[in-house]
Amino acid sequence: MRIAVIAHQKKTLGGGLGELRQVLRDHGYIDPPWYEVRSSRQVPALARKVVADGAELLFIWGGDGSVQRCVDAIAGKAVNLAILPAGTANLLATNLNIPIDLAAAVDVGLHGDRRRLDVGVLNDERFAVMAGVGFDALTMRYADDSLKEHLGRLAYVVSGTRATQMNSRKVRITVDKQLWFKGRATCVLLGQMGSLAGGVRVFPSSRPDDGLLEIGVVTAENPVQWARVLARLAVGRAGSSPLAEMTQGRRVDIRLSRPTVYELDGGARTAKKHLRAKIERGVLVVCVPRVEES
């Protein structure tokens, strides 16, 4: 099997990249195509290159940003993706039960099952787990690399507390060409999978291969109201909150009264007033633990 490795140098897992080389050697892969980057923005061009060069299996070593940019580049291509979860949250790995263990994750890549998944697309960029506008995007923006380096996952608690102070804005959301929401809101979420960091289920009924996007909107406008929403979220009942609404659809149009930051799988993007989202069916093949092991 022709494999390739793309690794974010600043991310760590197990004994590091030296151990990864040794684990691959133990499996018979002595000198595979190997690329190291210092920024997730370098990943897409390299991912397209290794696919063009004939790789059948691509190992991506990094955090959510590297994985998302890799997914965006290779979705629809004839290559399997193996995730080596070296980030802080590791959203896609967590949702797919990929172990946060170097040797075990490599074994999943080489010998695990292959699962074909849908991906979401927001403003022409793909995401595998979740995208959002407003509160969650601010949370990701405030949880920069420095904060995550010092606090780990606690960084999201600190940044989320700060994000609860954002002001609401007028939002109009159309789902499959039908008006679904019109009013003031502080957050719009789009889910391809159900769980955030820590295994918190935002969309309990979601499936990554059902051809549908999960859609949620939150109208909480202050820290007290956000505490109520998050309390229900923690027990998997966010949809029962009077401050949240949820639905499903294939195409979503979001219009905001002023430019608002958004994020894809944890990576913040420039503020926009208009966003379009859709689902792409079955365009990504990811290596996952075998069913009996899961």
C-alpha atoms as a PDB file:
ATOM      1  CA  MET A   1       0.000   0.000   0.000  1.00  0.00           C
ATOM      2  CA  ARG A   2       1.359   3.423  -0.983  1.00  0.00           C
ATOM      3  CA  ILE A   3       1.301   5.700   2.064  1.00  0.00           C
ATOM      4  CA  ALA A   4       2.349   9.296   2.744  1.00  0.00           C
ATOM      5  CA  VAL A   5       2.694  11.418   5.879  1.00  0.00           C
ATOM      6  CA  ILE A   6       1.952  15.110   6.434  1.00  0.00           C
ATOM      7  CA  ALA A   7       2.903  16.288   9.918  1.00  0.00           C
ATOM      8  CA  HIS A   8       2.480  19.578  11.763  1.00  0.00           C
ATOM      9  CA  GLN A   9       5.813  20.078  13.515  1.00  0.00           C
ATOM     10  CA  LYS A  10       4.334  22.023  16.432  1.00  0.00           C
ATOM     11  CA  LYS A  11       1.889  19.273  17.451  1.00  0.00           C
ATOM     12  CA  THR A  12       2.747  16.400  19.752  1.00  0.00           C
ATOM     13  CA  LEU A  13       1.539  12.850  20.278  1.00  0.00           C
ATOM     14  CA  GLY A  14       3.253  10.038  22.146  1.00  0.00           C
ATOM     15  CA  GLY A  15       7.010  10.089  21.567  1.00  0.00           C
ATOM     16  CA  GLY A  16       6.747  12.538  18.672  1.00  0.00           C
ATOM     17  CA  LEU A  17       7.597  12.214  15.000  1.00  0.00           C
ATOM     18  CA  GLY A  18      10.643  10.082  15.748  1.00  0.00           C
ATOM     19  CA  GLU A  19       8.384   7.452  17.281  1.00  0.00           C
ATOM     20  CA  LEU A  20       6.035   7.697  14.293  1.00  0.00           C
ATOM     21  CA  ARG A  21       8.912   6.879  11.932  1.00  0.00           C
ATOM     22  CA  GLN A  22       9.833   3.875  14.054  1.00  0.00           C
ATOM     23  CA  VAL A  23       6.252   2.595  14.284  1.00  0.00           C
ATOM     24  CA  LEU A  24       5.918   2.801  10.494  1.00  0.00           C
ATOM     25  CA  ARG A  25       9.251   0.979  10.081  1.00  0.00           C
ATOM     26  CA  ASP A  26       7.954  -1.765  12.370  1.00  0.00           C
ATOM     27  CA  HIS A  27       5.047  -2.165   9.965  1.00  0.00           C
ATOM     28  CA  GLY A  28       7.393  -2.347   6.966  1.00  0.00           C
ATOM     29  CA  TYR A  29       7.244   1.273   5.767  1.00  0.00           C
ATOM     30  CA  ILE A  30      10.898   2.301   5.796  1.00  0.00           C
ATOM     31  CA  ASP A  31      10.954   5.646   3.992  1.00  0.00           C
ATOM     32  CA  PRO A  32       7.482   6.827   2.923  1.00  0.00           C
ATOM     33  CA  PRO A  33       6.908  10.269   1.359  1.00  0.00           C
ATOM     34  CA  TRP A  34       7.143  12.554   4.390  1.00  0.00           C
ATOM     35  CA  TYR A  35       6.281  16.246   4.657  1.00  0.00           C
ATOM     36  CA  GLU A  36       6.498  18.461   7.732  1.00  0.00           C
ATOM     37  CA  VAL A  37       4.775  21.850   8.023  1.00  0.00           C
ATOM     38  CA  ARG A  38       4.804  24.678  10.539  1.00  0.00           C
ATOM     39  CA  SER A  39       1.316  25.961   9.694  1.00  0.00           C
ATOM     40  CA  SER A  40      -1.935  24.191   8.835  1.00  0.00           C
ATOM     41  CA  ARG A  41      -2.229  26.539   5.841  1.00  0.00           C
ATOM     42  CA  GLN A  42       0.565  24.542   4.191  1.00  0.00           C
ATOM     43  CA  VAL A  43      -1.400  21.293   4.375  1.00  0.00           C
ATOM     44  CA  PRO A  44      -3.798  21.580   1.375  1.00  0.00           C
ATOM     45  CA  ALA A  45      -1.129  21.935  -1.320  1.00  0.00           C
ATOM     46  CA  LEU A  46       0.829  18.991   0.080  1.00  0.00           C
ATOM     47  CA  ALA A  47      -2.307  16.868   0.435  1.00  0.00           C
ATOM     48  CA  ARG A  48      -3.170  17.446  -3.208  1.00  0.00           C
ATOM     49  CA  LYS A  49       0.431  16.631  -4.165  1.00  0.00           C
ATOM     50  CA  VAL A  50       0.552  13.272  -2.400  1.00  0.00           C
ATOM     51  CA  VAL A  51      -2.778  12.284  -3.946  1.00  0.00           C
ATOM     52  CA  ALA A  52      -1.512  13.272  -7.397  1.00  0.00           C
ATOM     53  CA  ASP A  53       1.638  11.234  -6.719  1.00  0.00           C
ATOM     54  CA  GLY A  54      -0.475   8.123  -6.111  1.00  0.00           C
ATOM     55  CA  ALA A  55      -0.782   7.811  -2.340  1.00  0.00           C
ATOM     56  CA  GLU A  56      -3.524   5.379  -1.321  1.00  0.00           C
ATOM     57  CA  LEU A  57      -3.362   6.224   2.387  1.00  0.00           C
ATOM     58  CA  LEU A  58      -2.542   9.639   3.832  1.00  0.00           C
ATOM     59  CA  PHE A  59      -1.542   9.985   7.480  1.00  0.00           C
ATOM     60  CA  ILE A  60      -2.259  13.486   8.794  1.00  0.00           C
ATOM     61  CA  TRP A  61      -0.501  14.355  12.072  1.00  0.00           C
ATOM     62  CA  GLY A  62      -1.906  17.473  13.666  1.00  0.00           C
ATOM     63  CA  GLY A  63      -4.789  19.221  15.350  1.00  0.00           C
ATOM     64  CA  ASP A  64      -8.260  20.110  14.131  1.00  0.00           C
ATOM     65  CA  GLY A  65      -6.987  22.867  11.832  1.00  0.00           C
ATOM     66  CA  SER A  66      -4.616  20.557   9.953  1.00  0.00           C
ATOM     67  CA  VAL A  67      -7.252  17.826   9.673  1.00  0.00           C
ATOM     68  CA  GLN A  68      -9.904  20.250   8.390  1.00  0.00           C
ATOM     69  CA  ARG A  69      -7.610  21.709   5.740  1.00  0.00           C
ATOM     70  CA  CYS A  70      -6.627  18.201   4.666  1.00  0.00           C
ATOM     71  CA  VAL A  71     -10.289  17.160   4.414  1.00  0.00           C
ATOM     72  CA  ASP A  72     -11.028  20.247   2.338  1.00  0.00           C
ATOM     73  CA  ALA A  73      -8.234  19.313  -0.089  1.00  0.00           C
ATOM     74  CA  ILE A  74      -8.826  15.574  -0.540  1.00  0.00           C
ATOM     75  CA  ALA A  75     -12.612  15.117  -0.291  1.00  0.00           C
ATOM     76  CA  GLY A  76     -13.767  13.382  -3.433  1.00  0.00           C
ATOM     77  CA  LYS A  77     -10.283  12.034  -4.187  1.00  0.00           C
ATOM     78  CA  ALA A  78      -9.222   8.376  -4.342  1.00  0.00           C
ATOM     79  CA  VAL A  79      -7.321   8.276  -1.056  1.00  0.00           C
ATOM     80  CA  ASN A  80      -8.032   7.086   2.482  1.00  0.00           C
ATOM     81  CA  LEU A  81      -7.385   9.437   5.392  1.00  0.00           C
ATOM     82  CA  ALA A  82      -5.714   8.228   8.585  1.00  0.00           C
ATOM     83  CA  ILE A  83      -5.798  10.674  11.504  1.00  0.00           C
ATOM     84  CA  LEU A  84      -2.949  10.871  14.023  1.00  0.00           C
ATOM     85  CA  PRO A  85      -4.653  13.092  16.647  1.00  0.00           C
ATOM     86  CA  ALA A  86      -1.905  15.392  17.907  1.00  0.00           C
ATOM     87  CA  GLY A  87      -4.051  18.441  18.733  1.00  0.00           C
ATOM     88  CA  THR A  88      -5.910  19.774  21.753  1.00  0.00           C
ATOM     89  CA  ALA A  89      -9.536  18.894  20.993  1.00  0.00           C
ATOM     90  CA  ASN A  90      -9.136  16.324  18.158  1.00  0.00           C
ATOM     91  CA  LEU A  91     -12.786  16.674  17.162  1.00  0.00           C
ATOM     92  CA  LEU A  92     -12.918  14.280  14.206  1.00  0.00           C
ATOM     93  CA  ALA A  93     -10.852  11.603  15.957  1.00  0.00           C
ATOM     94  CA  THR A  94     -13.079  11.834  19.039  1.00  0.00           C
ATOM     95  CA  ASN A  95     -16.279  11.522  17.030  1.00  0.00           C
ATOM     96  CA  LEU A  96     -14.916   8.455  15.198  1.00  0.00           C
ATOM     97  CA  ASN A  97     -13.416   6.778  18.304  1.00  0.00           C
ATOM     98  CA  ILE A  98      -9.875   6.983  16.921  1.00  0.00           C
ATOM     99  CA  PRO A  99      -7.517   6.425  19.883  1.00  0.00           C
ATOM    100  CA  ILE A 100      -5.386   9.283  21.184  1.00  0.00           C
ATOM    101  CA  ASP A 101      -2.424   6.927  21.160  1.00  0.00           C
ATOM    102  CA  LEU A 102       0.272   6.931  18.493  1.00  0.00           C
ATOM    103  CA  ALA A 103       0.799   3.221  17.906  1.00  0.00           C
ATOM    104  CA  ALA A 104      -2.924   2.464  18.119  1.00  0.00           C
ATOM    105  CA  ALA A 105      -3.825   5.300  15.716  1.00  0.00           C
ATOM    106  CA  VAL A 106      -1.235   4.067  13.191  1.00  0.00           C
ATOM    107  CA  ASP A 107      -2.697   0.565  13.474  1.00  0.00           C
ATOM    108  CA  VAL A 108      -6.164   1.986  12.736  1.00  0.00           C
ATOM    109  CA  GLY A 109      -4.770   3.678   9.651  1.00  0.00           C
ATOM    110  CA  LEU A 110      -3.081   0.554   8.336  1.00  0.00           C
ATOM    111  CA  HIS A 111      -5.528  -2.138   9.408  1.00  0.00           C
ATOM    112  CA  GLY A 112      -8.773  -0.463  10.497  1.00  0.00           C
ATOM    113  CA  ASP A 113     -12.085  -0.278   8.682  1.00  0.00           C
ATOM    114  CA  ARG A 114     -12.692   2.322   5.983  1.00  0.00           C
ATOM    115  CA  ARG A 115     -15.766   4.486   6.501  1.00  0.00           C
ATOM    116  CA  ARG A 116     -17.248   6.712   3.829  1.00  0.00           C
ATOM    117  CA  LEU A 117     -18.560   9.995   5.260  1.00  0.00           C
ATOM    118  CA  ASP A 118     -20.371  13.131   4.192  1.00  0.00           C
ATOM    119  CA  VAL A 119     -18.751  16.524   4.680  1.00  0.00           C
ATOM    120  CA  GLY A 120     -20.268  19.939   5.220  1.00  0.00           C
ATOM    121  CA  VAL A 121     -19.345  22.930   3.081  1.00  0.00           C
ATOM    122  CA  LEU A 122     -19.505  26.503   4.380  1.00  0.00           C
ATOM    123  CA  ASN A 123     -18.649  29.363   2.020  1.00  0.00           C
ATOM    124  CA  ASP A 124     -16.948  26.889  -0.342  1.00  0.00           C
ATOM    125  CA  GLU A 125     -14.722  25.342   2.364  1.00  0.00           C
ATOM    126  CA  ARG A 126     -15.284  21.821   3.678  1.00  0.00           C
ATOM    127  CA  PHE A 127     -15.554  20.744   7.309  1.00  0.00           C
ATOM    128  CA  ALA A 128     -15.914  17.278   8.814  1.00  0.00           C
ATOM    129  CA  VAL A 129     -17.409  17.895  12.262  1.00  0.00           C
ATOM    130  CA  MET A 130     -18.946  21.288  12.942  1.00  0.00           C
ATOM    131  CA  ALA A 131     -19.002  24.896  11.789  1.00  0.00           C
ATOM    132  CA  GLY A 132     -20.530  27.929  13.406  1.00  0.00           C
ATOM    133  CA  VAL A 133     -21.129  31.645  13.400  1.00  0.00           C
ATOM    134  CA  GLY A 134     -20.892  33.945  16.416  1.00  0.00           C
ATOM    135  CA  PHE A 135     -20.326  32.592  19.936  1.00  0.00           C
ATOM    136  CA  ASP A 136     -18.504  29.378  19.058  1.00  0.00           C
ATOM    137  CA  ALA A 137     -16.328  31.124  16.468  1.00  0.00           C
ATOM    138  CA  LEU A 138     -15.307  33.720  19.047  1.00  0.00           C
ATOM    139  CA  THR A 139     -14.545  30.909  21.491  1.00  0.00           C
ATOM    140  CA  MET A 140     -12.188  29.355  18.949  1.00  0.00           C
ATOM    141  CA  ARG A 141     -10.598  32.696  18.087  1.00  0.00           C
ATOM    142  CA  TYR A 142      -9.943  33.580  21.739  1.00  0.00           C
ATOM    143  CA  ALA A 143      -8.474  30.098  22.384  1.00  0.00           C
ATOM    144  CA  ASP A 144      -5.317  30.818  20.415  1.00  0.00           C
ATOM    145  CA  ASP A 145      -2.273  28.560  20.292  1.00  0.00           C
ATOM    146  CA  SER A 146      -0.629  30.307  23.243  1.00  0.00           C
ATOM    147  CA  LEU A 147      -3.657  29.824  25.494  1.00  0.00           C
ATOM    148  CA  LYS A 148      -4.045  26.171  24.452  1.00  0.00           C
ATOM    149  CA  GLU A 149      -0.354  25.547  25.052  1.00  0.00           C
ATOM    150  CA  HIS A 150      -0.654  26.797  28.626  1.00  0.00           C
ATOM    151  CA  LEU A 151      -4.115  25.498  29.550  1.00  0.00           C
ATOM    152  CA  GLY A 152      -4.907  22.619  27.196  1.00  0.00           C
ATOM    153  CA  ARG A 153      -8.646  22.001  26.896  1.00  0.00           C
ATOM    154  CA  LEU A 154      -9.294  24.429  29.748  1.00  0.00           C
ATOM    155  CA  ALA A 155      -8.463  27.152  27.214  1.00  0.00           C
ATOM    156  CA  TYR A 156     -11.905  26.615  25.659  1.00  0.00           C
ATOM    157  CA  VAL A 157     -13.585  27.231  29.021  1.00  0.00           C
ATOM    158  CA  VAL A 158     -11.708  30.500  29.458  1.00  0.00           C
ATOM    159  CA  SER A 159     -12.362  31.675  25.902  1.00  0.00           C
ATOM    160  CA  GLY A 160     -15.999  30.548  26.036  1.00  0.00           C
ATOM    161  CA  THR A 161     -16.599  32.610  29.165  1.00  0.00           C
ATOM    162  CA  ARG A 162     -15.245  35.647  27.354  1.00  0.00           C
ATOM    163  CA  ALA A 163     -17.384  34.916  24.269  1.00  0.00           C
ATOM    164  CA  THR A 164     -20.630  34.954  26.288  1.00  0.00           C
ATOM    165  CA  GLN A 165     -20.321  38.741  26.370  1.00  0.00           C
ATOM    166  CA  MET A 166     -20.871  39.130  22.610  1.00  0.00           C
ATOM    167  CA  ASN A 167     -23.886  41.152  21.463  1.00  0.00           C
ATOM    168  CA  SER A 168     -26.667  39.498  19.499  1.00  0.00           C
ATOM    169  CA  ARG A 169     -27.406  40.479  15.924  1.00  0.00           C
ATOM    170  CA  LYS A 170     -30.339  40.095  13.559  1.00  0.00           C
ATOM    171  CA  VAL A 171     -30.196  36.732  11.794  1.00  0.00           C
ATOM    172  CA  ARG A 172     -32.240  35.275   8.958  1.00  0.00           C
ATOM    173  CA  ILE A 173     -31.804  31.566   8.180  1.00  0.00           C
ATOM    174  CA  THR A 174     -33.270  29.750   5.193  1.00  0.00           C
ATOM    175  CA  VAL A 175     -33.141  25.944   5.146  1.00  0.00           C
ATOM    176  CA  ASP A 176     -33.766  24.175   1.829  1.00  0.00           C
ATOM    177  CA  LYS A 177     -35.266  27.408   0.446  1.00  0.00           C
ATOM    178  CA  GLN A 178     -37.746  27.756   3.325  1.00  0.00           C
ATOM    179  CA  LEU A 179     -37.472  30.501   5.965  1.00  0.00           C
ATOM    180  CA  TRP A 180     -36.708  28.733   9.237  1.00  0.00           C
ATOM    181  CA  PHE A 181     -35.495  31.443  11.637  1.00  0.00           C
ATOM    182  CA  LYS A 182     -35.755  35.218  11.780  1.00  0.00           C
ATOM    183  CA  GLY A 183     -34.761  37.165  14.871  1.00  0.00           C
ATOM    184  CA  ARG A 184     -31.838  38.063  17.105  1.00  0.00           C
ATOM    185  CA  ALA A 185     -29.242  35.405  17.882  1.00  0.00           C
ATOM    186  CA  THR A 186     -25.691  35.003  19.141  1.00  0.00           C
ATOM    187  CA  CYS A 187     -24.786  31.659  17.587  1.00  0.00           C
ATOM    188  CA  VAL A 188     -25.609  29.515  14.565  1.00  0.00           C
ATOM    189  CA  LEU A 189     -24.197  25.971  14.497  1.00  0.00           C
ATOM    190  CA  LEU A 190     -23.929  23.565  11.574  1.00  0.00           C
ATOM    191  CA  GLY A 191     -23.135  19.967  12.461  1.00  0.00           C
ATOM    192  CA  GLN A 192     -21.932  17.102  10.316  1.00  0.00           C
ATOM    193  CA  MET A 193     -21.228  15.123  13.503  1.00  0.00           C
ATOM    194  CA  GLY A 194     -22.693  15.440  16.947  1.00  0.00           C
ATOM    195  CA  SER A 195     -19.954  15.987  19.542  1.00  0.00           C
ATOM    196  CA  LEU A 196     -17.719  18.863  20.595  1.00  0.00           C
ATOM    197  CA  ALA A 197     -14.574  18.653  22.732  1.00  0.00           C
ATOM    198  CA  GLY A 198     -14.979  16.447  25.782  1.00  0.00           C
ATOM    199  CA  GLY A 199     -17.630  14.320  24.087  1.00  0.00           C
ATOM    200  CA  VAL A 200     -20.409  16.877  24.675  1.00  0.00           C
ATOM    201  CA  ARG A 201     -23.267  15.981  22.316  1.00  0.00           C
ATOM    202  CA  VAL A 202     -24.659  19.066  20.592  1.00  0.00           C
ATOM    203  CA  PHE A 203     -26.709  17.150  18.014  1.00  0.00           C
ATOM    204  CA  PRO A 204     -27.599  13.756  19.562  1.00  0.00           C
ATOM    205  CA  SER A 205     -29.437  12.469  16.481  1.00  0.00           C
ATOM    206  CA  SER A 206     -26.743  13.337  13.925  1.00  0.00           C
ATOM    207  CA  ARG A 207     -25.142  10.722  11.666  1.00  0.00           C
ATOM    208  CA  PRO A 208     -22.091  11.474   9.500  1.00  0.00           C
ATOM    209  CA  ASP A 209     -23.496   9.657   6.475  1.00  0.00           C
ATOM    210  CA  ASP A 210     -27.201  10.585   6.389  1.00  0.00           C
ATOM    211  CA  GLY A 211     -26.946  13.358   3.779  1.00  0.00           C
ATOM    212  CA  LEU A 212     -28.153  16.025   6.222  1.00  0.00           C
ATOM    213  CA  LEU A 213     -26.659  18.969   8.089  1.00  0.00           C
ATOM    214  CA  GLU A 214     -27.711  19.547  11.677  1.00  0.00           C
ATOM    215  CA  ILE A 215     -28.625  23.200  12.236  1.00  0.00           C
ATOM    216  CA  GLY A 216     -28.955  25.017  15.530  1.00  0.00           C
ATOM    217  CA  VAL A 217     -29.452  28.613  16.594  1.00  0.00           C
ATOM    218  CA  VAL A 218     -28.968  30.064  20.094  1.00  0.00           C
ATOM    219  CA  THR A 219     -30.603  33.295  21.265  1.00  0.00           C
ATOM    220  CA  ALA A 220     -28.847  33.629  24.649  1.00  0.00           C
ATOM    221  CA  GLU A 221     -27.669  37.235  25.125  1.00  0.00           C
ATOM    222  CA  ASN A 222     -25.742  37.287  28.403  1.00  0.00           C
ATOM    223  CA  PRO A 223     -23.595  35.004  30.592  1.00  0.00           C
ATOM    224  CA  VAL A 224     -26.579  33.906  32.716  1.00  0.00           C
ATOM    225  CA  GLN A 225     -28.607  32.799  29.693  1.00  0.00           C
ATOM    226  CA  TRP A 226     -25.557  31.099  28.204  1.00  0.00           C
ATOM    227  CA  ALA A 227     -25.068  29.204  31.461  1.00  0.00           C
ATOM    228  CA  ARG A 228     -28.606  27.832  31.084  1.00  0.00           C
ATOM    229  CA  VAL A 229     -27.947  26.716  27.519  1.00  0.00           C
ATOM    230  CA  LEU A 230     -24.616  25.137  28.378  1.00  0.00           C
ATOM    231  CA  ALA A 231     -26.119  23.317  31.368  1.00  0.00           C
ATOM    232  CA  ARG A 232     -28.626  21.614  29.074  1.00  0.00           C
ATOM    233  CA  LEU A 233     -25.898  21.002  26.513  1.00  0.00           C
ATOM    234  CA  ALA A 234     -23.841  19.170  29.132  1.00  0.00           C
ATOM    235  CA  VAL A 235     -26.627  16.599  29.589  1.00  0.00           C
ATOM    236  CA  GLY A 236     -27.415  16.306  25.871  1.00  0.00           C
ATOM    237  CA  ARG A 237     -30.631  18.342  25.957  1.00  0.00           C
ATOM    238  CA  ALA A 238     -29.683  21.618  24.274  1.00  0.00           C
ATOM    239  CA  GLY A 239     -32.648  21.280  21.894  1.00  0.00           C
ATOM    240  CA  SER A 240     -35.064  21.476  24.838  1.00  0.00           C
ATOM    241  CA  SER A 241     -33.836  24.928  25.860  1.00  0.00           C
ATOM    242  CA  PRO A 242     -36.170  27.874  25.155  1.00  0.00           C
ATOM    243  CA  LEU A 243     -33.020  29.707  24.067  1.00  0.00           C
ATOM    244  CA  ALA A 244     -32.149  27.202  21.311  1.00  0.00           C
ATOM    245  CA  GLU A 245     -33.805  25.829  18.174  1.00  0.00           C
ATOM    246  CA  MET A 246     -32.708  22.927  15.965  1.00  0.00           C
ATOM    247  CA  THR A 247     -33.532  21.404  12.606  1.00  0.00           C
ATOM    248  CA  GLN A 248     -31.940  19.502   9.695  1.00  0.00           C
ATOM    249  CA  GLY A 249     -31.434  20.286   6.032  1.00  0.00           C
ATOM    250  CA  ARG A 250     -29.272  19.998   2.943  1.00  0.00           C
ATOM    251  CA  ARG A 251     -28.752  23.659   2.086  1.00  0.00           C
ATOM    252  CA  VAL A 252     -28.575  26.605   4.470  1.00  0.00           C
ATOM    253  CA  ASP A 253     -28.454  30.340   3.800  1.00  0.00           C
ATOM    254  CA  ILE A 254     -27.463  32.606   6.728  1.00  0.00           C
ATOM    255  CA  ARG A 255     -27.751  36.391   6.599  1.00  0.00           C
ATOM    256  CA  LEU A 256     -26.604  38.596   9.471  1.00  0.00           C
ATOM    257  CA  SER A 257     -27.146  42.282  10.199  1.00  0.00           C
ATOM    258  CA  ARG A 258     -23.387  42.854  10.487  1.00  0.00           C
ATOM    259  CA  PRO A 259     -20.159  40.962   9.741  1.00  0.00           C
ATOM    260  CA  THR A 260     -19.621  38.123  12.215  1.00  0.00           C
ATOM    261  CA  VAL A 261     -16.726  35.714  12.631  1.00  0.00           C
ATOM    262  CA  TYR A 262     -17.288  32.062  11.759  1.00  0.00           C
ATOM    263  CA  GLU A 263     -15.328  28.836  12.206  1.00  0.00           C
ATOM    264  CA  LEU A 264     -14.870  25.424  10.614  1.00  0.00           C
ATOM    265  CA  ASP A 265     -13.815  22.510  12.845  1.00  0.00           C
ATOM    266  CA  GLY A 266     -12.306  24.954  15.317  1.00  0.00           C
ATOM    267  CA  GLY A 267     -10.537  27.248  12.865  1.00  0.00           C
ATOM    268  CA  ALA A 268     -11.743  30.875  12.938  1.00  0.00           C
ATOM    269  CA  ARG A 269     -12.339  32.705   9.667  1.00  0.00           C
ATOM    270  CA  THR A 270     -12.821  36.353   8.644  1.00  0.00           C
ATOM    271  CA  ALA A 271     -16.146  37.961   9.583  1.00  0.00           C
ATOM    272  CA  LYS A 272     -18.941  37.773   6.994  1.00  0.00           C
ATOM    273  CA  LYS A 273     -22.552  38.951   6.722  1.00  0.00           C
ATOM    274  CA  HIS A 274     -23.683  36.207   4.341  1.00  0.00           C
ATOM    275  CA  LEU A 275     -22.848  32.498   4.533  1.00  0.00           C
ATOM    276  CA  ARG A 276     -24.022  29.534   2.478  1.00  0.00           C
ATOM    277  CA  ALA A 277     -23.736  25.909   3.554  1.00  0.00           C
ATOM    278  CA  LYS A 278     -24.511  22.540   1.994  1.00  0.00           C
ATOM    279  CA  ILE A 279     -23.770  18.836   2.396  1.00  0.00           C
ATOM    280  CA  GLU A 280     -21.579  16.728   0.109  1.00  0.00           C
ATOM    281  CA  ARG A 281     -22.500  13.053   0.331  1.00  0.00           C
ATOM    282  CA  GLY A 282     -19.967  10.258   0.727  1.00  0.00           C
ATOM    283  CA  VAL A 283     -16.924  12.173  -0.487  1.00  0.00           C
ATOM    284  CA  LEU A 284     -14.477  11.315   2.330  1.00  0.00           C
ATOM    285  CA  VAL A 285     -13.066   7.916   3.336  1.00  0.00           C
ATOM    286  CA  VAL A 286     -11.572   7.817   6.854  1.00  0.00           C
ATOM    287  CA  CYS A 287      -9.807   4.971   8.629  1.00  0.00           C
ATOM    288  CA  VAL A 288     -11.687   3.995  11.809  1.00  0.00           C
ATOM    289  CA  PRO A 289     -11.342   1.245  14.418  1.00  0.00           C
ATOM    290  CA  ARG A 290     -12.740  -2.098  13.388  1.00  0.00           C
ATOM    291  CA  VAL A 291     -16.325  -2.629  14.507  1.00  0.00           C
ATOM    292  CA  GLU A 292     -15.428  -5.401  16.962  1.00  0.00           C
ATOM    293  CA  GLU A 293     -12.731  -3.169  18.492  1.00  0.00           C
ATOM    294  CA  SER A 294     -15.082  -0.174  18.792  1.00  0.00           C
END
